[in-house]
Amino acid sequence: MSLITALALFGTLGTPELIIILIILLLIFGASKLPQLGGALGKTVKSFKQEIREGAAEATDAKKPGEGGSRFCSRCGAEVADKQAAFCSKCGQAL
């Protein structure tokens, strides 16, 4: 079975399939454990999304010009090593 075929099978989940999955989950975990599992899953997803946002923000902050003694070209984004340079060595844009 190819990857595309396998992914296509997961894309066809409708209401009857979801009800069957819910019944199986009820049989395995019981009705009292499902809210706890759902809450734990929700917290995990929320934490994961927050970490992704923080990582993206840190990456953006690291690329800001003027911080850490580095300069960056506003046109091409190349780092300018020479602090006294008036033009970007990559694209020629005035700094």
PDB file of N, CA and C in Angstrom:
ATOM      1  N   MET A   1       0.856  -1.170   0.000  1.00  0.00           N
ATOM      2  CA  MET A   1       0.000   0.000   0.000  1.00  0.00           C
ATOM      3  C   MET A   1       0.900   1.231   0.000  1.00  0.00           C
ATOM      4  N   SER A   2       0.636   2.162  -0.888  1.00  0.00           N
ATOM      5  CA  SER A   2       1.456   3.369  -0.973  1.00  0.00           C
ATOM      6  C   SER A   2       1.015   4.379   0.084  1.00  0.00           C
ATOM      7  N   LEU A   3       1.842   5.374   0.297  1.00  0.00           N
ATOM      8  CA  LEU A   3       1.563   6.414   1.283  1.00  0.00           C
ATOM      9  C   LEU A   3       0.322   7.204   0.896  1.00  0.00           C
ATOM     10  N   ILE A   4       0.161   7.484  -0.374  1.00  0.00           N
ATOM     11  CA  ILE A   4      -1.006   8.236  -0.841  1.00  0.00           C
ATOM     12  C   ILE A   4      -2.286   7.453  -0.587  1.00  0.00           C
ATOM     13  N   THR A   5      -2.255   6.157  -0.816  1.00  0.00           N
ATOM     14  CA  THR A   5      -3.426   5.316  -0.562  1.00  0.00           C
ATOM     15  C   THR A   5      -3.753   5.289   0.922  1.00  0.00           C
ATOM     16  N   ALA A   6      -2.724   5.190   1.755  1.00  0.00           N
ATOM     17  CA  ALA A   6      -2.944   5.164   3.198  1.00  0.00           C
ATOM     18  C   ALA A   6      -3.528   6.480   3.683  1.00  0.00           C
ATOM     19  N   LEU A   7      -3.016   7.602   3.172  1.00  0.00           N
ATOM     20  CA  LEU A   7      -3.548   8.901   3.572  1.00  0.00           C
ATOM     21  C   LEU A   7      -4.969   9.098   3.069  1.00  0.00           C
ATOM     22  N   ALA A   8      -5.282   8.567   1.911  1.00  0.00           N
ATOM     23  CA  ALA A   8      -6.634   8.678   1.367  1.00  0.00           C
ATOM     24  C   ALA A   8      -7.633   7.931   2.246  1.00  0.00           C
ATOM     25  N   LEU A   9      -7.205   6.828   2.853  1.00  0.00           N
ATOM     26  CA  LEU A   9      -8.098   6.085   3.735  1.00  0.00           C
ATOM     27  C   LEU A   9      -8.459   6.908   4.970  1.00  0.00           C
ATOM     28  N   PHE A  10      -7.504   7.655   5.501  1.00  0.00           N
ATOM     29  CA  PHE A  10      -7.782   8.474   6.677  1.00  0.00           C
ATOM     30  C   PHE A  10      -8.637   9.686   6.332  1.00  0.00           C
ATOM     31  N   GLY A  11      -8.622  10.122   5.102  1.00  0.00           N
ATOM     32  CA  GLY A  11      -9.396  11.274   4.692  1.00  0.00           C
ATOM     33  C   GLY A  11     -10.871  10.966   4.519  1.00  0.00           C
ATOM     34  N   THR A  12     -11.268   9.697   4.577  1.00  0.00           N
ATOM     35  CA  THR A  12     -12.663   9.335   4.338  1.00  0.00           C
ATOM     36  C   THR A  12     -13.422   9.037   5.625  1.00  0.00           C
ATOM     37  N   LEU A  13     -12.938   9.557   6.764  1.00  0.00           N
ATOM     38  CA  LEU A  13     -13.648   9.331   8.016  1.00  0.00           C
ATOM     39  C   LEU A  13     -14.906  10.183   8.050  1.00  0.00           C
ATOM     40  N   GLY A  14     -16.031   9.533   8.145  1.00  0.00           N
ATOM     41  CA  GLY A  14     -17.302  10.228   8.238  1.00  0.00           C
ATOM     42  C   GLY A  14     -17.904  10.039   9.615  1.00  0.00           C
ATOM     43  N   THR A  15     -19.155  10.414   9.750  1.00  0.00           N
ATOM     44  CA  THR A  15     -19.850  10.313  11.032  1.00  0.00           C
ATOM     45  C   THR A  15     -19.944   8.867  11.530  1.00  0.00           C
ATOM     46  N   PRO A  16     -20.314   7.902  10.713  1.00  0.00           N
ATOM     47  CA  PRO A  16     -20.406   6.525  11.227  1.00  0.00           C
ATOM     48  C   PRO A  16     -19.064   5.998  11.738  1.00  0.00           C
ATOM     49  N   GLU A  17     -17.998   6.313  11.030  1.00  0.00           N
ATOM     50  CA  GLU A  17     -16.679   5.844  11.462  1.00  0.00           C
ATOM     51  C   GLU A  17     -16.274   6.475  12.788  1.00  0.00           C
ATOM     52  N   LEU A  18     -16.536   7.778  12.930  1.00  0.00           N
ATOM     53  CA  LEU A  18     -16.200   8.460  14.174  1.00  0.00           C
ATOM     54  C   LEU A  18     -17.013   7.922  15.355  1.00  0.00           C
ATOM     55  N   ILE A  19     -18.267   7.566  15.123  1.00  0.00           N
ATOM     56  CA  ILE A  19     -19.098   6.990  16.187  1.00  0.00           C
ATOM     57  C   ILE A  19     -18.539   5.632  16.609  1.00  0.00           C
ATOM     58  N   ILE A  20     -18.109   4.825  15.640  1.00  0.00           N
ATOM     59  CA  ILE A  20     -17.519   3.522  15.963  1.00  0.00           C
ATOM     60  C   ILE A  20     -16.233   3.706  16.773  1.00  0.00           C
ATOM     61  N   ILE A  21     -15.402   4.657  16.384  1.00  0.00           N
ATOM     62  CA  ILE A  21     -14.170   4.932  17.135  1.00  0.00           C
ATOM     63  C   ILE A  21     -14.498   5.368  18.551  1.00  0.00           C
ATOM     64  N   LEU A  22     -15.494   6.227  18.730  1.00  0.00           N
ATOM     65  CA  LEU A  22     -15.896   6.682  20.059  1.00  0.00           C
ATOM     66  C   LEU A  22     -16.394   5.515  20.911  1.00  0.00           C
ATOM     67  N   ILE A  23     -17.162   4.608  20.325  1.00  0.00           N
ATOM     68  CA  ILE A  23     -17.651   3.437  21.072  1.00  0.00           C
ATOM     69  C   ILE A  23     -16.477   2.561  21.506  1.00  0.00           C
ATOM     70  N   ILE A  24     -15.515   2.366  20.631  1.00  0.00           N
ATOM     71  CA  ILE A  24     -14.335   1.562  20.990  1.00  0.00           C
ATOM     72  C   ILE A  24     -13.566   2.241  22.120  1.00  0.00           C
ATOM     73  N   LEU A  25     -13.400   3.550  22.046  1.00  0.00           N
ATOM     74  CA  LEU A  25     -12.715   4.282  23.115  1.00  0.00           C
ATOM     75  C   LEU A  25     -13.468   4.165  24.440  1.00  0.00           C
ATOM     76  N   LEU A  26     -14.796   4.226  24.385  1.00  0.00           N
ATOM     77  CA  LEU A  26     -15.595   4.065  25.601  1.00  0.00           C
ATOM     78  C   LEU A  26     -15.404   2.685  26.211  1.00  0.00           C
ATOM     79  N   LEU A  27     -15.336   1.664  25.360  1.00  0.00           N
ATOM     80  CA  LEU A  27     -15.131   0.308  25.863  1.00  0.00           C
ATOM     81  C   LEU A  27     -13.744   0.124  26.473  1.00  0.00           C
ATOM     82  N   ILE A  28     -12.748   0.746  25.875  1.00  0.00           N
ATOM     83  CA  ILE A  28     -11.372   0.576  26.365  1.00  0.00           C
ATOM     84  C   ILE A  28     -11.126   1.377  27.636  1.00  0.00           C
ATOM     85  N   PHE A  29     -11.486   2.657  27.623  1.00  0.00           N
ATOM     86  CA  PHE A  29     -11.121   3.540  28.734  1.00  0.00           C
ATOM     87  C   PHE A  29     -12.240   3.778  29.738  1.00  0.00           C
ATOM     88  N   GLY A  30     -13.461   3.603  29.343  1.00  0.00           N
ATOM     89  CA  GLY A  30     -14.574   3.887  30.232  1.00  0.00           C
ATOM     90  C   GLY A  30     -14.991   5.348  30.121  1.00  0.00           C
ATOM     91  N   ALA A  31     -16.240   5.616  30.513  1.00  0.00           N
ATOM     92  CA  ALA A  31     -16.795   6.957  30.350  1.00  0.00           C
ATOM     93  C   ALA A  31     -16.129   7.972  31.271  1.00  0.00           C
ATOM     94  N   SER A  32     -15.645   7.545  32.428  1.00  0.00           N
ATOM     95  CA  SER A  32     -15.065   8.500  33.370  1.00  0.00           C
ATOM     96  C   SER A  32     -13.663   8.959  32.954  1.00  0.00           C
ATOM     97  N   LYS A  33     -12.948   8.161  32.183  1.00  0.00           N
ATOM     98  CA  LYS A  33     -11.579   8.510  31.786  1.00  0.00           C
ATOM     99  C   LYS A  33     -11.518   9.360  30.519  1.00  0.00           C
ATOM    100  N   LEU A  34     -12.549   9.340  29.678  1.00  0.00           N
ATOM    101  CA  LEU A  34     -12.504  10.073  28.417  1.00  0.00           C
ATOM    102  C   LEU A  34     -12.349  11.583  28.601  1.00  0.00           C
ATOM    103  N   PRO A  35     -13.061  12.234  29.538  1.00  0.00           N
ATOM    104  CA  PRO A  35     -12.834  13.673  29.716  1.00  0.00           C
ATOM    105  C   PRO A  35     -11.405  13.995  30.159  1.00  0.00           C
ATOM    106  N   GLN A  36     -10.822  13.128  30.989  1.00  0.00           N
ATOM    107  CA  GLN A  36      -9.445  13.342  31.423  1.00  0.00           C
ATOM    108  C   GLN A  36      -8.481  13.201  30.239  1.00  0.00           C
ATOM    109  N   LEU A  37      -8.710  12.202  29.403  1.00  0.00           N
ATOM    110  CA  LEU A  37      -7.868  12.007  28.226  1.00  0.00           C
ATOM    111  C   LEU A  37      -7.994  13.178  27.257  1.00  0.00           C
ATOM    112  N   GLY A  38      -9.220  13.652  27.072  1.00  0.00           N
ATOM    113  CA  GLY A  38      -9.445  14.801  26.193  1.00  0.00           C
ATOM    114  C   GLY A  38      -8.771  16.056  26.729  1.00  0.00           C
ATOM    115  N   GLY A  39      -8.863  16.272  28.029  1.00  0.00           N
ATOM    116  CA  GLY A  39      -8.213  17.434  28.644  1.00  0.00           C
ATOM    117  C   GLY A  39      -6.706  17.363  28.522  1.00  0.00           C
ATOM    118  N   ALA A  40      -6.149  16.182  28.745  1.00  0.00           N
ATOM    119  CA  ALA A  40      -4.698  16.015  28.624  1.00  0.00           C
ATOM    120  C   ALA A  40      -4.254  16.231  27.179  1.00  0.00           C
ATOM    121  N   LEU A  41      -5.016  15.734  26.240  1.00  0.00           N
ATOM    122  CA  LEU A  41      -4.691  15.923  24.830  1.00  0.00           C
ATOM    123  C   LEU A  41      -4.770  17.402  24.455  1.00  0.00           C
ATOM    124  N   GLY A  42      -5.797  18.087  24.947  1.00  0.00           N
ATOM    125  CA  GLY A  42      -5.939  19.518  24.678  1.00  0.00           C
ATOM    126  C   GLY A  42      -4.779  20.325  25.246  1.00  0.00           C
ATOM    127  N   LYS A  43      -4.362  20.005  26.475  1.00  0.00           N
ATOM    128  CA  LYS A  43      -3.230  20.706  27.088  1.00  0.00           C
ATOM    129  C   LYS A  43      -1.945  20.447  26.313  1.00  0.00           C
ATOM    130  N   THR A  44      -1.782  19.219  25.846  1.00  0.00           N
ATOM    131  CA  THR A  44      -0.590  18.878  25.069  1.00  0.00           C
ATOM    132  C   THR A  44      -0.541  19.660  23.765  1.00  0.00           C
ATOM    133  N   VAL A  45      -1.660  19.727  23.062  1.00  0.00           N
ATOM    134  CA  VAL A  45      -1.714  20.459  21.800  1.00  0.00           C
ATOM    135  C   VAL A  45      -1.484  21.949  22.043  1.00  0.00           C
ATOM    136  N   LYS A  46      -2.093  22.501  23.099  1.00  0.00           N
ATOM    137  CA  LYS A  46      -1.917  23.916  23.431  1.00  0.00           C
ATOM    138  C   LYS A  46      -0.456  24.220  23.750  1.00  0.00           C
ATOM    139  N   SER A  47       0.180  23.365  24.526  1.00  0.00           N
ATOM    140  CA  SER A  47       1.592  23.548  24.875  1.00  0.00           C
ATOM    141  C   SER A  47       2.470  23.466  23.631  1.00  0.00           C
ATOM    142  N   PHE A  48       2.183  22.520  22.755  1.00  0.00           N
ATOM    143  CA  PHE A  48       2.952  22.362  21.518  1.00  0.00           C
ATOM    144  C   PHE A  48       2.841  23.607  20.650  1.00  0.00           C
ATOM    145  N   LYS A  49       1.632  24.140  20.487  1.00  0.00           N
ATOM    146  CA  LYS A  49       1.437  25.345  19.681  1.00  0.00           C
ATOM    147  C   LYS A  49       2.156  26.536  20.296  1.00  0.00           C
ATOM    148  N   GLN A  50       2.131  26.648  21.628  1.00  0.00           N
ATOM    149  CA  GLN A  50       2.807  27.743  22.310  1.00  0.00           C
ATOM    150  C   GLN A  50       4.317  27.662  22.096  1.00  0.00           C
ATOM    151  N   GLU A  51       4.880  26.467  22.185  1.00  0.00           N
ATOM    152  CA  GLU A  51       6.314  26.293  21.964  1.00  0.00           C
ATOM    153  C   GLU A  51       6.696  26.635  20.527  1.00  0.00           C
ATOM    154  N   ILE A  52       5.853  26.272  19.580  1.00  0.00           N
ATOM    155  CA  ILE A  52       6.110  26.605  18.176  1.00  0.00           C
ATOM    156  C   ILE A  52       6.117  28.120  17.997  1.00  0.00           C
ATOM    157  N   ARG A  53       5.120  28.827  18.587  1.00  0.00           N
ATOM    158  CA  ARG A  53       5.071  30.288  18.493  1.00  0.00           C
ATOM    159  C   ARG A  53       6.297  30.922  19.127  1.00  0.00           C
ATOM    160  N   GLU A  54       6.700  30.439  20.308  1.00  0.00           N
ATOM    161  CA  GLU A  54       7.867  31.000  20.992  1.00  0.00           C
ATOM    162  C   GLU A  54       9.136  30.756  20.186  1.00  0.00           C
ATOM    163  N   GLY A  55       9.259  29.586  19.603  1.00  0.00           N
ATOM    164  CA  GLY A  55      10.424  29.288  18.775  1.00  0.00           C
ATOM    165  C   GLY A  55      10.483  30.185  17.551  1.00  0.00           C
ATOM    166  N   ALA A  56       9.331  30.429  16.932  1.00  0.00           N
ATOM    167  CA  ALA A  56       9.292  31.313  15.768  1.00  0.00           C
ATOM    168  C   ALA A  56       9.625  32.748  16.176  1.00  0.00           C
ATOM    169  N   ALA A  57       9.140  33.173  17.347  1.00  0.00           N
ATOM    170  CA  ALA A  57       9.436  34.523  17.829  1.00  0.00           C
ATOM    171  C   ALA A  57      10.922  34.679  18.134  1.00  0.00           C
ATOM    172  N   GLU A  58      11.540  33.663  18.728  1.00  0.00           N
ATOM    173  CA  GLU A  58      12.973  33.722  19.015  1.00  0.00           C
ATOM    174  C   GLU A  58      13.782  33.763  17.725  1.00  0.00           C
ATOM    175  N   ALA A  59      13.356  33.009  16.725  1.00  0.00           N
ATOM    176  CA  ALA A  59      14.059  33.015  15.445  1.00  0.00           C
ATOM    177  C   ALA A  59      13.929  34.382  14.780  1.00  0.00           C
ATOM    178  N   THR A  60      12.769  35.003  14.878  1.00  0.00           N
ATOM    179  CA  THR A  60      12.559  36.329  14.315  1.00  0.00           C
ATOM    180  C   THR A  60      13.393  37.359  15.061  1.00  0.00           C
ATOM    181  N   ASP A  61      13.426  37.255  16.393  1.00  0.00           N
ATOM    182  CA  ASP A  61      14.209  38.193  17.196  1.00  0.00           C
ATOM    183  C   ASP A  61      15.690  38.066  16.893  1.00  0.00           C
ATOM    184  N   ALA A  62      16.161  36.875  16.622  1.00  0.00           N
ATOM    185  CA  ALA A  62      17.575  36.654  16.333  1.00  0.00           C
ATOM    186  C   ALA A  62      17.979  37.278  15.007  1.00  0.00           C
ATOM    187  N   LYS A  63      17.026  37.463  14.103  1.00  0.00           N
ATOM    188  CA  LYS A  63      17.329  38.013  12.785  1.00  0.00           C
ATOM    189  C   LYS A  63      17.158  39.521  12.717  1.00  0.00           C
ATOM    190  N   LYS A  64      16.751  40.181  13.809  1.00  0.00           N
ATOM    191  CA  LYS A  64      16.537  41.620  13.778  1.00  0.00           C
ATOM    192  C   LYS A  64      17.861  42.344  13.597  1.00  0.00           C
ATOM    193  N   PRO A  65      17.867  43.339  12.730  1.00  0.00           N
ATOM    194  CA  PRO A  65      19.100  44.086  12.523  1.00  0.00           C
ATOM    195  C   PRO A  65      19.454  44.941  13.736  1.00  0.00           C
ATOM    196  N   GLY A  66      20.735  45.155  13.910  1.00  0.00           N
ATOM    197  CA  GLY A  66      21.198  46.037  14.964  1.00  0.00           C
ATOM    198  C   GLY A  66      21.396  45.379  16.300  1.00  0.00           C
ATOM    199  N   GLU A  67      21.045  44.142  16.477  1.00  0.00           N
ATOM    200  CA  GLU A  67      21.202  43.467  17.757  1.00  0.00           C
ATOM    201  C   GLU A  67      22.422  42.564  17.708  1.00  0.00           C
ATOM    202  N   GLY A  68      23.127  42.486  18.809  1.00  0.00           N
ATOM    203  CA  GLY A  68      24.270  41.601  18.896  1.00  0.00           C
ATOM    204  C   GLY A  68      25.467  42.097  18.116  1.00  0.00           C
ATOM    205  N   GLY A  69      25.480  43.386  17.765  1.00  0.00           N
ATOM    206  CA  GLY A  69      26.615  43.939  17.068  1.00  0.00           C
ATOM    207  C   GLY A  69      26.623  43.649  15.579  1.00  0.00           C
ATOM    208  N   SER A  70      25.691  42.905  15.067  1.00  0.00           N
ATOM    209  CA  SER A  70      25.647  42.588  13.640  1.00  0.00           C
ATOM    210  C   SER A  70      24.725  43.553  12.928  1.00  0.00           C
ATOM    211  N   ARG A  71      25.024  43.784  11.673  1.00  0.00           N
ATOM    212  CA  ARG A  71      24.160  44.607  10.831  1.00  0.00           C
ATOM    213  C   ARG A  71      23.658  43.734   9.692  1.00  0.00           C
ATOM    214  N   PHE A  72      22.468  44.038   9.224  1.00  0.00           N
ATOM    215  CA  PHE A  72      21.870  43.270   8.143  1.00  0.00           C
ATOM    216  C   PHE A  72      21.378  44.216   7.066  1.00  0.00           C
ATOM    217  N   CYS A  73      21.474  43.765   5.840  1.00  0.00           N
ATOM    218  CA  CYS A  73      20.976  44.534   4.708  1.00  0.00           C
ATOM    219  C   CYS A  73      19.446  44.483   4.715  1.00  0.00           C
ATOM    220  N   SER A  74      18.818  45.650   4.532  1.00  0.00           N
ATOM    221  CA  SER A  74      17.352  45.690   4.525  1.00  0.00           C
ATOM    222  C   SER A  74      16.773  45.142   3.225  1.00  0.00           C
ATOM    223  N   ARG A  75      17.582  45.056   2.193  1.00  0.00           N
ATOM    224  CA  ARG A  75      17.097  44.571   0.907  1.00  0.00           C
ATOM    225  C   ARG A  75      17.196  43.053   0.790  1.00  0.00           C
ATOM    226  N   CYS A  76      18.404  42.505   1.037  1.00  0.00           N
ATOM    227  CA  CYS A  76      18.600  41.063   0.825  1.00  0.00           C
ATOM    228  C   CYS A  76      18.724  40.283   2.132  1.00  0.00           C
ATOM    229  N   GLY A  77      18.868  40.976   3.272  1.00  0.00           N
ATOM    230  CA  GLY A  77      18.941  40.303   4.555  1.00  0.00           C
ATOM    231  C   GLY A  77      20.302  39.727   4.889  1.00  0.00           C
ATOM    232  N   ALA A  78      21.299  39.997   4.060  1.00  0.00           N
ATOM    233  CA  ALA A  78      22.642  39.467   4.304  1.00  0.00           C
ATOM    234  C   ALA A  78      23.277  40.188   5.488  1.00  0.00           C
ATOM    235  N   GLU A  79      24.032  39.449   6.266  1.00  0.00           N
ATOM    236  CA  GLU A  79      24.739  40.041   7.397  1.00  0.00           C
ATOM    237  C   GLU A  79      25.957  40.797   6.879  1.00  0.00           C
ATOM    238  N   VAL A  80      26.129  42.018   7.393  1.00  0.00           N
ATOM    239  CA  VAL A  80      27.263  42.845   6.999  1.00  0.00           C
ATOM    240  C   VAL A  80      28.286  42.758   8.114  1.00  0.00           C
ATOM    241  N   ALA A  81      29.417  42.135   7.831  1.00  0.00           N
ATOM    242  CA  ALA A  81      30.436  41.908   8.853  1.00  0.00           C
ATOM    243  C   ALA A  81      31.181  43.196   9.196  1.00  0.00           C
ATOM    244  N   ASP A  82      31.441  44.033   8.200  1.00  0.00           N
ATOM    245  CA  ASP A  82      32.178  45.275   8.423  1.00  0.00           C
ATOM    246  C   ASP A  82      31.226  46.323   8.986  1.00  0.00           C
ATOM    247  N   LYS A  83      31.464  46.748  10.203  1.00  0.00           N
ATOM    248  CA  LYS A  83      30.566  47.708  10.862  1.00  0.00           C
ATOM    249  C   LYS A  83      30.675  49.100  10.259  1.00  0.00           C
ATOM    250  N   GLN A  84      31.738  49.369   9.536  1.00  0.00           N
ATOM    251  CA  GLN A  84      31.947  50.681   8.934  1.00  0.00           C
ATOM    252  C   GLN A  84      31.445  50.739   7.486  1.00  0.00           C
ATOM    253  N   ALA A  85      30.977  49.630   6.944  1.00  0.00           N
ATOM    254  CA  ALA A  85      30.570  49.578   5.539  1.00  0.00           C
ATOM    255  C   ALA A  85      29.344  50.448   5.301  1.00  0.00           C
ATOM    256  N   ALA A  86      29.337  51.095   4.149  1.00  0.00           N
ATOM    257  CA  ALA A  86      28.208  51.935   3.774  1.00  0.00           C
ATOM    258  C   ALA A  86      27.260  51.213   2.818  1.00  0.00           C
ATOM    259  N   PHE A  87      27.748  50.136   2.181  1.00  0.00           N
ATOM    260  CA  PHE A  87      26.945  49.396   1.228  1.00  0.00           C
ATOM    261  C   PHE A  87      27.024  47.894   1.504  1.00  0.00           C
ATOM    262  N   CYS A  88      25.971  47.176   1.145  1.00  0.00           N
ATOM    263  CA  CYS A  88      25.940  45.718   1.289  1.00  0.00           C
ATOM    264  C   CYS A  88      26.880  45.098   0.278  1.00  0.00           C
ATOM    265  N   SER A  89      27.707  44.154   0.742  1.00  0.00           N
ATOM    266  CA  SER A  89      28.653  43.510  -0.168  1.00  0.00           C
ATOM    267  C   SER A  89      27.976  42.513  -1.098  1.00  0.00           C
ATOM    268  N   LYS A  90      26.753  42.116  -0.786  1.00  0.00           N
ATOM    269  CA  LYS A  90      26.055  41.118  -1.605  1.00  0.00           C
ATOM    270  C   LYS A  90      25.231  41.765  -2.721  1.00  0.00           C
ATOM    271  N   CYS A  91      24.443  42.804  -2.358  1.00  0.00           N
ATOM    272  CA  CYS A  91      23.542  43.378  -3.356  1.00  0.00           C
ATOM    273  C   CYS A  91      23.850  44.835  -3.693  1.00  0.00           C
ATOM    274  N   GLY A  92      24.711  45.502  -2.904  1.00  0.00           N
ATOM    275  CA  GLY A  92      25.078  46.880  -3.197  1.00  0.00           C
ATOM    276  C   GLY A  92      24.132  47.927  -2.628  1.00  0.00           C
ATOM    277  N   GLN A  93      23.124  47.500  -1.893  1.00  0.00           N
ATOM    278  CA  GLN A  93      22.150  48.428  -1.291  1.00  0.00           C
ATOM    279  C   GLN A  93      22.853  49.301  -0.247  1.00  0.00           C
ATOM    280  N   ALA A  94      22.520  50.581  -0.191  1.00  0.00           N
ATOM    281  CA  ALA A  94      23.075  51.466   0.825  1.00  0.00           C
ATOM    282  C   ALA A  94      22.529  51.056   2.198  1.00  0.00           C
ATOM    283  N   LEU A  95      23.429  51.014   3.164  1.00  0.00           N
ATOM    284  CA  LEU A  95      23.040  50.612   4.516  1.00  0.00           C
ATOM    285  C   LEU A  95      22.603  51.786   5.291  1.00  0.00           C
TER     286      LEU A  95
END
